[in-house]
Amino acid sequence: MQVIDLQHSTQDLDGILNQVQKQDTTLLVNAVGEEFVLMSKKEWDSWQETLYLMSNPVNAARVREGIRQIKAGQTIEKKLHEL
């Protein structure tokens, strides 16, 4: 994550937005040390979807179980037409 002093952010806003697009998020810090996260709409939507999926305890348990299976190598890869 790139960190940018907020005082310098107004000088090259286009450059900062291009950087956010490449890195997903950028941390902006103002003169008193307060921090703000700048992210693309795509990244924001991704976080919102994750929060929604994990807000349901049953669904969250399924997601965690799937992650556990992937890490344990207990998955089988199939092509879409094989399903």
PDB file of N, CA and C in Angstrom:
ATOM      1  N   MET A   1       0.853  -1.175   0.000  1.00  0.00           N
ATOM      2  CA  MET A   1       0.000   0.000   0.000  1.00  0.00           C
ATOM      3  C   MET A   1       0.896   1.234   0.000  1.00  0.00           C
ATOM      4  N   GLN A   2       0.631   2.107  -0.909  1.00  0.00           N
ATOM      5  CA  GLN A   2       1.390   3.352  -0.992  1.00  0.00           C
ATOM      6  C   GLN A   2       0.863   4.345   0.044  1.00  0.00           C
ATOM      7  N   VAL A   3       1.754   5.102   0.679  1.00  0.00           N
ATOM      8  CA  VAL A   3       1.371   6.133   1.636  1.00  0.00           C
ATOM      9  C   VAL A   3       1.744   7.489   1.055  1.00  0.00           C
ATOM     10  N   ILE A   4       0.776   8.410   1.059  1.00  0.00           N
ATOM     11  CA  ILE A   4       0.991   9.737   0.475  1.00  0.00           C
ATOM     12  C   ILE A   4       0.601  10.800   1.496  1.00  0.00           C
ATOM     13  N   ASP A   5       1.451  11.799   1.641  1.00  0.00           N
ATOM     14  CA  ASP A   5       1.135  12.957   2.475  1.00  0.00           C
ATOM     15  C   ASP A   5       0.030  13.731   1.772  1.00  0.00           C
ATOM     16  N   LEU A   6      -1.062  14.002   2.466  1.00  0.00           N
ATOM     17  CA  LEU A   6      -2.229  14.645   1.869  1.00  0.00           C
ATOM     18  C   LEU A   6      -1.902  16.006   1.261  1.00  0.00           C
ATOM     19  N   GLN A   7      -0.928  16.716   1.812  1.00  0.00           N
ATOM     20  CA  GLN A   7      -0.543  18.017   1.277  1.00  0.00           C
ATOM     21  C   GLN A   7      -0.021  17.900  -0.153  1.00  0.00           C
ATOM     22  N   HIS A   8       0.604  16.757  -0.495  1.00  0.00           N
ATOM     23  CA  HIS A   8       1.154  16.562  -1.831  1.00  0.00           C
ATOM     24  C   HIS A   8       0.143  15.924  -2.780  1.00  0.00           C
ATOM     25  N   SER A   9      -0.952  15.423  -2.242  1.00  0.00           N
ATOM     26  CA  SER A   9      -1.905  14.690  -3.080  1.00  0.00           C
ATOM     27  C   SER A   9      -2.619  15.582  -4.092  1.00  0.00           C
ATOM     28  N   THR A  10      -2.817  16.835  -3.765  1.00  0.00           N
ATOM     29  CA  THR A  10      -3.517  17.722  -4.698  1.00  0.00           C
ATOM     30  C   THR A  10      -2.640  18.123  -5.874  1.00  0.00           C
ATOM     31  N   GLN A  11      -1.339  17.947  -5.744  1.00  0.00           N
ATOM     32  CA  GLN A  11      -0.420  18.327  -6.812  1.00  0.00           C
ATOM     33  C   GLN A  11      -0.478  17.362  -7.987  1.00  0.00           C
ATOM     34  N   ASP A  12      -0.757  16.086  -7.736  1.00  0.00           N
ATOM     35  CA  ASP A  12      -0.745  15.086  -8.799  1.00  0.00           C
ATOM     36  C   ASP A  12      -1.901  14.099  -8.607  1.00  0.00           C
ATOM     37  N   LEU A  13      -3.116  14.610  -8.591  1.00  0.00           N
ATOM     38  CA  LEU A  13      -4.275  13.761  -8.341  1.00  0.00           C
ATOM     39  C   LEU A  13      -4.419  12.676  -9.396  1.00  0.00           C
ATOM     40  N   ASP A  14      -4.189  12.999 -10.664  1.00  0.00           N
ATOM     41  CA  ASP A  14      -4.280  11.985 -11.719  1.00  0.00           C
ATOM     42  C   ASP A  14      -3.272  10.856 -11.489  1.00  0.00           C
ATOM     43  N   GLY A  15      -2.052  11.215 -11.111  1.00  0.00           N
ATOM     44  CA  GLY A  15      -1.028  10.211 -10.845  1.00  0.00           C
ATOM     45  C   GLY A  15      -1.407   9.323  -9.671  1.00  0.00           C
ATOM     46  N   ILE A  16      -1.978   9.919  -8.638  1.00  0.00           N
ATOM     47  CA  ILE A  16      -2.403   9.151  -7.462  1.00  0.00           C
ATOM     48  C   ILE A  16      -3.524   8.200  -7.839  1.00  0.00           C
ATOM     49  N   LEU A  17      -4.497   8.667  -8.606  1.00  0.00           N
ATOM     50  CA  LEU A  17      -5.609   7.806  -9.012  1.00  0.00           C
ATOM     51  C   LEU A  17      -5.122   6.659  -9.891  1.00  0.00           C
ATOM     52  N   ASN A  18      -4.157   6.909 -10.747  1.00  0.00           N
ATOM     53  CA  ASN A  18      -3.570   5.829 -11.547  1.00  0.00           C
ATOM     54  C   ASN A  18      -2.875   4.812 -10.651  1.00  0.00           C
ATOM     55  N   GLN A  19      -2.201   5.288  -9.610  1.00  0.00           N
ATOM     56  CA  GLN A  19      -1.528   4.397  -8.669  1.00  0.00           C
ATOM     57  C   GLN A  19      -2.546   3.553  -7.906  1.00  0.00           C
ATOM     58  N   VAL A  20      -3.657   4.162  -7.508  1.00  0.00           N
ATOM     59  CA  VAL A  20      -4.714   3.428  -6.806  1.00  0.00           C
ATOM     60  C   VAL A  20      -5.260   2.326  -7.702  1.00  0.00           C
ATOM     61  N   GLN A  21      -5.419   2.635  -8.966  1.00  0.00           N
ATOM     62  CA  GLN A  21      -5.928   1.646  -9.915  1.00  0.00           C
ATOM     63  C   GLN A  21      -4.978   0.448 -10.009  1.00  0.00           C
ATOM     64  N   LYS A  22      -3.689   0.689  -9.935  1.00  0.00           N
ATOM     65  CA  LYS A  22      -2.695  -0.386 -10.027  1.00  0.00           C
ATOM     66  C   LYS A  22      -2.583  -1.173  -8.724  1.00  0.00           C
ATOM     67  N   GLN A  23      -2.648  -0.489  -7.590  1.00  0.00           N
ATOM     68  CA  GLN A  23      -2.379  -1.128  -6.298  1.00  0.00           C
ATOM     69  C   GLN A  23      -3.638  -1.409  -5.481  1.00  0.00           C
ATOM     70  N   ASP A  24      -4.785  -1.022  -5.933  1.00  0.00           N
ATOM     71  CA  ASP A  24      -6.070  -1.193  -5.250  1.00  0.00           C
ATOM     72  C   ASP A  24      -6.313  -0.189  -4.132  1.00  0.00           C
ATOM     73  N   THR A  25      -5.323   0.096  -3.292  1.00  0.00           N
ATOM     74  CA  THR A  25      -5.538   1.060  -2.210  1.00  0.00           C
ATOM     75  C   THR A  25      -4.315   1.942  -2.009  1.00  0.00           C
ATOM     76  N   THR A  26      -4.574   3.146  -1.505  1.00  0.00           N
ATOM     77  CA  THR A  26      -3.514   4.087  -1.159  1.00  0.00           C
ATOM     78  C   THR A  26      -3.897   4.737   0.153  1.00  0.00           C
ATOM     79  N   LEU A  27      -2.936   4.914   1.029  1.00  0.00           N
ATOM     80  CA  LEU A  27      -3.168   5.552   2.312  1.00  0.00           C
ATOM     81  C   LEU A  27      -2.778   7.022   2.201  1.00  0.00           C
ATOM     82  N   LEU A  28      -3.721   7.905   2.523  1.00  0.00           N
ATOM     83  CA  LEU A  28      -3.452   9.340   2.553  1.00  0.00           C
ATOM     84  C   LEU A  28      -3.342   9.766   4.019  1.00  0.00           C
ATOM     85  N   VAL A  29      -2.345  10.584   4.330  1.00  0.00           N
ATOM     86  CA  VAL A  29      -2.128  11.045   5.699  1.00  0.00           C
ATOM     87  C   VAL A  29      -2.117  12.565   5.698  1.00  0.00           C
ATOM     88  N   ASN A  30      -2.954  13.169   6.575  1.00  0.00           N
ATOM     89  CA  ASN A  30      -2.987  14.630   6.626  1.00  0.00           C
ATOM     90  C   ASN A  30      -1.933  15.169   7.588  1.00  0.00           C
ATOM     91  N   ALA A  31      -1.902  16.486   7.758  1.00  0.00           N
ATOM     92  CA  ALA A  31      -0.853  17.148   8.535  1.00  0.00           C
ATOM     93  C   ALA A  31      -0.841  16.743  10.004  1.00  0.00           C
ATOM     94  N   VAL A  32      -1.975  16.295  10.543  1.00  0.00           N
ATOM     95  CA  VAL A  32      -2.015  15.903  11.958  1.00  0.00           C
ATOM     96  C   VAL A  32      -1.951  14.392  12.141  1.00  0.00           C
ATOM     97  N   GLY A  33      -1.639  13.671  11.070  1.00  0.00           N
ATOM     98  CA  GLY A  33      -1.440  12.237  11.161  1.00  0.00           C
ATOM     99  C   GLY A  33      -2.686  11.382  10.992  1.00  0.00           C
ATOM    100  N   GLU A  34      -3.819  12.000  10.685  1.00  0.00           N
ATOM    101  CA  GLU A  34      -5.023  11.207  10.437  1.00  0.00           C
ATOM    102  C   GLU A  34      -4.859  10.474   9.111  1.00  0.00           C
ATOM    103  N   GLU A  35      -5.359   9.239   9.061  1.00  0.00           N
ATOM    104  CA  GLU A  35      -5.178   8.405   7.878  1.00  0.00           C
ATOM    105  C   GLU A  35      -6.508   8.169   7.168  1.00  0.00           C
ATOM    106  N   PHE A  36      -6.456   8.155   5.833  1.00  0.00           N
ATOM    107  CA  PHE A  36      -7.622   7.927   4.995  1.00  0.00           C
ATOM    108  C   PHE A  36      -7.239   6.931   3.904  1.00  0.00           C
ATOM    109  N   VAL A  37      -8.121   6.007   3.609  1.00  0.00           N
ATOM    110  CA  VAL A  37      -7.842   5.012   2.586  1.00  0.00           C
ATOM    111  C   VAL A  37      -8.552   5.419   1.306  1.00  0.00           C
ATOM    112  N   LEU A  38      -7.807   5.454   0.221  1.00  0.00           N
ATOM    113  CA  LEU A  38      -8.349   5.747  -1.099  1.00  0.00           C
ATOM    114  C   LEU A  38      -8.292   4.452  -1.896  1.00  0.00           C
ATOM    115  N   MET A  39      -9.445   4.027  -2.429  1.00  0.00           N
ATOM    116  CA  MET A  39      -9.481   2.776  -3.188  1.00  0.00           C
ATOM    117  C   MET A  39     -10.378   2.926  -4.393  1.00  0.00           C
ATOM    118  N   SER A  40     -10.192   2.019  -5.343  1.00  0.00           N
ATOM    119  CA  SER A  40     -11.006   2.027  -6.546  1.00  0.00           C
ATOM    120  C   SER A  40     -12.417   1.549  -6.219  1.00  0.00           C
ATOM    121  N   LYS A  41     -13.365   1.891  -7.057  1.00  0.00           N
ATOM    122  CA  LYS A  41     -14.746   1.425  -6.896  1.00  0.00           C
ATOM    123  C   LYS A  41     -14.792  -0.094  -6.953  1.00  0.00           C
ATOM    124  N   LYS A  42     -13.988  -0.682  -7.814  1.00  0.00           N
ATOM    125  CA  LYS A  42     -13.932  -2.145  -7.935  1.00  0.00           C
ATOM    126  C   LYS A  42     -13.491  -2.778  -6.612  1.00  0.00           C
ATOM    127  N   GLU A  43     -12.470  -2.214  -5.975  1.00  0.00           N
ATOM    128  CA  GLU A  43     -11.995  -2.720  -4.687  1.00  0.00           C
ATOM    129  C   GLU A  43     -13.059  -2.523  -3.609  1.00  0.00           C
ATOM    130  N   TRP A  44     -13.715  -1.363  -3.602  1.00  0.00           N
ATOM    131  CA  TRP A  44     -14.792  -1.083  -2.650  1.00  0.00           C
ATOM    132  C   TRP A  44     -15.908  -2.117  -2.797  1.00  0.00           C
ATOM    133  N   ASP A  45     -16.325  -2.370  -4.031  1.00  0.00           N
ATOM    134  CA  ASP A  45     -17.385  -3.355  -4.276  1.00  0.00           C
ATOM    135  C   ASP A  45     -16.981  -4.740  -3.782  1.00  0.00           C
ATOM    136  N   SER A  46     -15.726  -5.091  -3.978  1.00  0.00           N
ATOM    137  CA  SER A  46     -15.224  -6.379  -3.517  1.00  0.00           C
ATOM    138  C   SER A  46     -15.322  -6.495  -1.999  1.00  0.00           C
ATOM    139  N   TRP A  47     -14.918  -5.454  -1.291  1.00  0.00           N
ATOM    140  CA  TRP A  47     -15.019  -5.451   0.177  1.00  0.00           C
ATOM    141  C   TRP A  47     -16.477  -5.546   0.619  1.00  0.00           C
ATOM    142  N   GLN A  48     -17.352  -4.818  -0.043  1.00  0.00           N
ATOM    143  CA  GLN A  48     -18.767  -4.856   0.325  1.00  0.00           C
ATOM    144  C   GLN A  48     -19.348  -6.254   0.124  1.00  0.00           C
ATOM    145  N   GLU A  49     -18.982  -6.907  -0.954  1.00  0.00           N
ATOM    146  CA  GLU A  49     -19.452  -8.272  -1.227  1.00  0.00           C
ATOM    147  C   GLU A  49     -18.940  -9.229  -0.154  1.00  0.00           C
ATOM    148  N   THR A  50     -17.671  -9.092   0.214  1.00  0.00           N
ATOM    149  CA  THR A  50     -17.105  -9.945   1.257  1.00  0.00           C
ATOM    150  C   THR A  50     -17.831  -9.735   2.587  1.00  0.00           C
ATOM    151  N   LEU A  51     -18.066  -8.489   2.945  1.00  0.00           N
ATOM    152  CA  LEU A  51     -18.791  -8.212   4.185  1.00  0.00           C
ATOM    153  C   LEU A  51     -20.189  -8.817   4.161  1.00  0.00           C
ATOM    154  N   TYR A  52     -20.866  -8.707   3.029  1.00  0.00           N
ATOM    155  CA  TYR A  52     -22.201  -9.272   2.893  1.00  0.00           C
ATOM    156  C   TYR A  52     -22.163 -10.797   3.044  1.00  0.00           C
ATOM    157  N   LEU A  53     -21.258 -11.436   2.344  1.00  0.00           N
ATOM    158  CA  LEU A  53     -21.167 -12.896   2.405  1.00  0.00           C
ATOM    159  C   LEU A  53     -20.822 -13.386   3.808  1.00  0.00           C
ATOM    160  N   MET A  54     -19.951 -12.672   4.486  1.00  0.00           N
ATOM    161  CA  MET A  54     -19.513 -13.102   5.809  1.00  0.00           C
ATOM    162  C   MET A  54     -20.473 -12.676   6.919  1.00  0.00           C
ATOM    163  N   SER A  55     -21.483 -11.888   6.603  1.00  0.00           N
ATOM    164  CA  SER A  55     -22.430 -11.446   7.626  1.00  0.00           C
ATOM    165  C   SER A  55     -23.422 -12.544   8.006  1.00  0.00           C
ATOM    166  N   ASN A  56     -23.585 -13.543   7.157  1.00  0.00           N
ATOM    167  CA  ASN A  56     -24.467 -14.671   7.438  1.00  0.00           C
ATOM    168  C   ASN A  56     -23.605 -15.784   8.039  1.00  0.00           C
ATOM    169  N   PRO A  57     -23.868 -16.187   9.296  1.00  0.00           N
ATOM    170  CA  PRO A  57     -23.013 -17.185   9.959  1.00  0.00           C
ATOM    171  C   PRO A  57     -22.908 -18.507   9.195  1.00  0.00           C
ATOM    172  N   VAL A  58     -23.995 -18.967   8.605  1.00  0.00           N
ATOM    173  CA  VAL A  58     -23.961 -20.235   7.859  1.00  0.00           C
ATOM    174  C   VAL A  58     -23.080 -20.090   6.625  1.00  0.00           C
ATOM    175  N   ASN A  59     -23.258 -19.006   5.903  1.00  0.00           N
ATOM    176  CA  ASN A  59     -22.456 -18.773   4.707  1.00  0.00           C
ATOM    177  C   ASN A  59     -20.983 -18.577   5.074  1.00  0.00           C
ATOM    178  N   ALA A  60     -20.729 -17.853   6.160  1.00  0.00           N
ATOM    179  CA  ALA A  60     -19.346 -17.632   6.601  1.00  0.00           C
ATOM    180  C   ALA A  60     -18.673 -18.962   6.930  1.00  0.00           C
ATOM    181  N   ALA A  61     -19.404 -19.869   7.570  1.00  0.00           N
ATOM    182  CA  ALA A  61     -18.842 -21.192   7.899  1.00  0.00           C
ATOM    183  C   ALA A  61     -18.514 -21.961   6.624  1.00  0.00           C
ATOM    184  N   ARG A  62     -19.364 -21.856   5.619  1.00  0.00           N
ATOM    185  CA  ARG A  62     -19.091 -22.542   4.337  1.00  0.00           C
ATOM    186  C   ARG A  62     -17.851 -21.969   3.661  1.00  0.00           C
ATOM    187  N   VAL A  63     -17.716 -20.656   3.711  1.00  0.00           N
ATOM    188  CA  VAL A  63     -16.539 -20.016   3.108  1.00  0.00           C
ATOM    189  C   VAL A  63     -15.281 -20.477   3.837  1.00  0.00           C
ATOM    190  N   ARG A  64     -15.307 -20.470   5.166  1.00  0.00           N
ATOM    191  CA  ARG A  64     -14.140 -20.907   5.944  1.00  0.00           C
ATOM    192  C   ARG A  64     -13.800 -22.373   5.669  1.00  0.00           C
ATOM    193  N   GLU A  65     -14.818 -23.202   5.546  1.00  0.00           N
ATOM    194  CA  GLU A  65     -14.592 -24.618   5.246  1.00  0.00           C
ATOM    195  C   GLU A  65     -13.963 -24.777   3.860  1.00  0.00           C
ATOM    196  N   GLY A  66     -14.430 -24.008   2.900  1.00  0.00           N
ATOM    197  CA  GLY A  66     -13.841 -24.052   1.564  1.00  0.00           C
ATOM    198  C   GLY A  66     -12.389 -23.632   1.574  1.00  0.00           C
ATOM    199  N   ILE A  67     -12.071 -22.593   2.319  1.00  0.00           N
ATOM    200  CA  ILE A  67     -10.682 -22.136   2.437  1.00  0.00           C
ATOM    201  C   ILE A  67      -9.827 -23.227   3.090  1.00  0.00           C
ATOM    202  N   ARG A  68     -10.361 -23.863   4.136  1.00  0.00           N
ATOM    203  CA  ARG A  68      -9.634 -24.940   4.803  1.00  0.00           C
ATOM    204  C   ARG A  68      -9.342 -26.079   3.829  1.00  0.00           C
ATOM    205  N   GLN A  69     -10.343 -26.438   3.017  1.00  0.00           N
ATOM    206  CA  GLN A  69     -10.167 -27.515   2.047  1.00  0.00           C
ATOM    207  C   GLN A  69      -9.120 -27.159   0.991  1.00  0.00           C
ATOM    208  N   ILE A  70      -9.134 -25.930   0.541  1.00  0.00           N
ATOM    209  CA  ILE A  70      -8.141 -25.487  -0.448  1.00  0.00           C
ATOM    210  C   ILE A  70      -6.739 -25.580   0.146  1.00  0.00           C
ATOM    211  N   LYS A  71      -6.563 -25.084   1.359  1.00  0.00           N
ATOM    212  CA  LYS A  71      -5.254 -25.107   2.005  1.00  0.00           C
ATOM    213  C   LYS A  71      -4.782 -26.533   2.272  1.00  0.00           C
ATOM    214  N   ALA A  72      -5.721 -27.443   2.515  1.00  0.00           N
ATOM    215  CA  ALA A  72      -5.378 -28.838   2.801  1.00  0.00           C
ATOM    216  C   ALA A  72      -5.214 -29.661   1.526  1.00  0.00           C
ATOM    217  N   GLY A  73      -5.411 -29.022   0.373  1.00  0.00           N
ATOM    218  CA  GLY A  73      -5.277 -29.732  -0.894  1.00  0.00           C
ATOM    219  C   GLY A  73      -6.399 -30.726  -1.145  1.00  0.00           C
ATOM    220  N   GLN A  74      -7.558 -30.458  -0.595  1.00  0.00           N
ATOM    221  CA  GLN A  74      -8.700 -31.367  -0.711  1.00  0.00           C
ATOM    222  C   GLN A  74      -9.693 -30.903  -1.774  1.00  0.00           C
ATOM    223  N   THR A  75      -9.193 -30.366  -2.857  1.00  0.00           N
ATOM    224  CA  THR A  75     -10.073 -29.881  -3.923  1.00  0.00           C
ATOM    225  C   THR A  75      -9.777 -30.611  -5.226  1.00  0.00           C
ATOM    226  N   ILE A  76     -10.747 -30.605  -6.101  1.00  0.00           N
ATOM    227  CA  ILE A  76     -10.598 -31.199  -7.423  1.00  0.00           C
ATOM    228  C   ILE A  76     -10.959 -30.113  -8.434  1.00  0.00           C
ATOM    229  N   GLU A  77     -10.070 -29.875  -9.378  1.00  0.00           N
ATOM    230  CA  GLU A  77     -10.322 -28.873 -10.404  1.00  0.00           C
ATOM    231  C   GLU A  77     -11.060 -29.498 -11.559  1.00  0.00           C
ATOM    232  N   LYS A  78     -12.151 -28.870 -11.984  1.00  0.00           N
ATOM    233  CA  LYS A  78     -12.929 -29.343 -13.126  1.00  0.00           C
ATOM    234  C   LYS A  78     -13.204 -28.185 -14.066  1.00  0.00           C
ATOM    235  N   LYS A  79     -13.324 -28.499 -15.311  1.00  0.00           N
ATOM    236  CA  LYS A  79     -13.722 -27.517 -16.321  1.00  0.00           C
ATOM    237  C   LYS A  79     -15.223 -27.284 -16.197  1.00  0.00           C
ATOM    238  N   LEU A  80     -15.677 -26.134 -16.595  1.00  0.00           N
ATOM    239  CA  LEU A  80     -17.084 -25.779 -16.485  1.00  0.00           C
ATOM    240  C   LEU A  80     -17.980 -26.787 -17.208  1.00  0.00           C
ATOM    241  N   HIS A  81     -17.563 -27.234 -18.375  1.00  0.00           N
ATOM    242  CA  HIS A  81     -18.387 -28.163 -19.153  1.00  0.00           C
ATOM    243  C   HIS A  81     -18.477 -29.551 -18.502  1.00  0.00           C
ATOM    244  N   GLU A  82     -17.596 -29.826 -17.507  1.00  0.00           N
ATOM    245  CA  GLU A  82     -17.624 -31.121 -16.821  1.00  0.00           C
ATOM    246  C   GLU A  82     -18.643 -31.160 -15.679  1.00  0.00           C
ATOM    247  N   LEU A  83     -19.162 -30.043 -15.320  1.00  0.00           N
ATOM    248  CA  LEU A  83     -20.098 -29.987 -14.191  1.00  0.00           C
ATOM    249  C   LEU A  83     -21.504 -30.355 -14.576  1.00  0.00           C
TER     250      LEU A  83
END
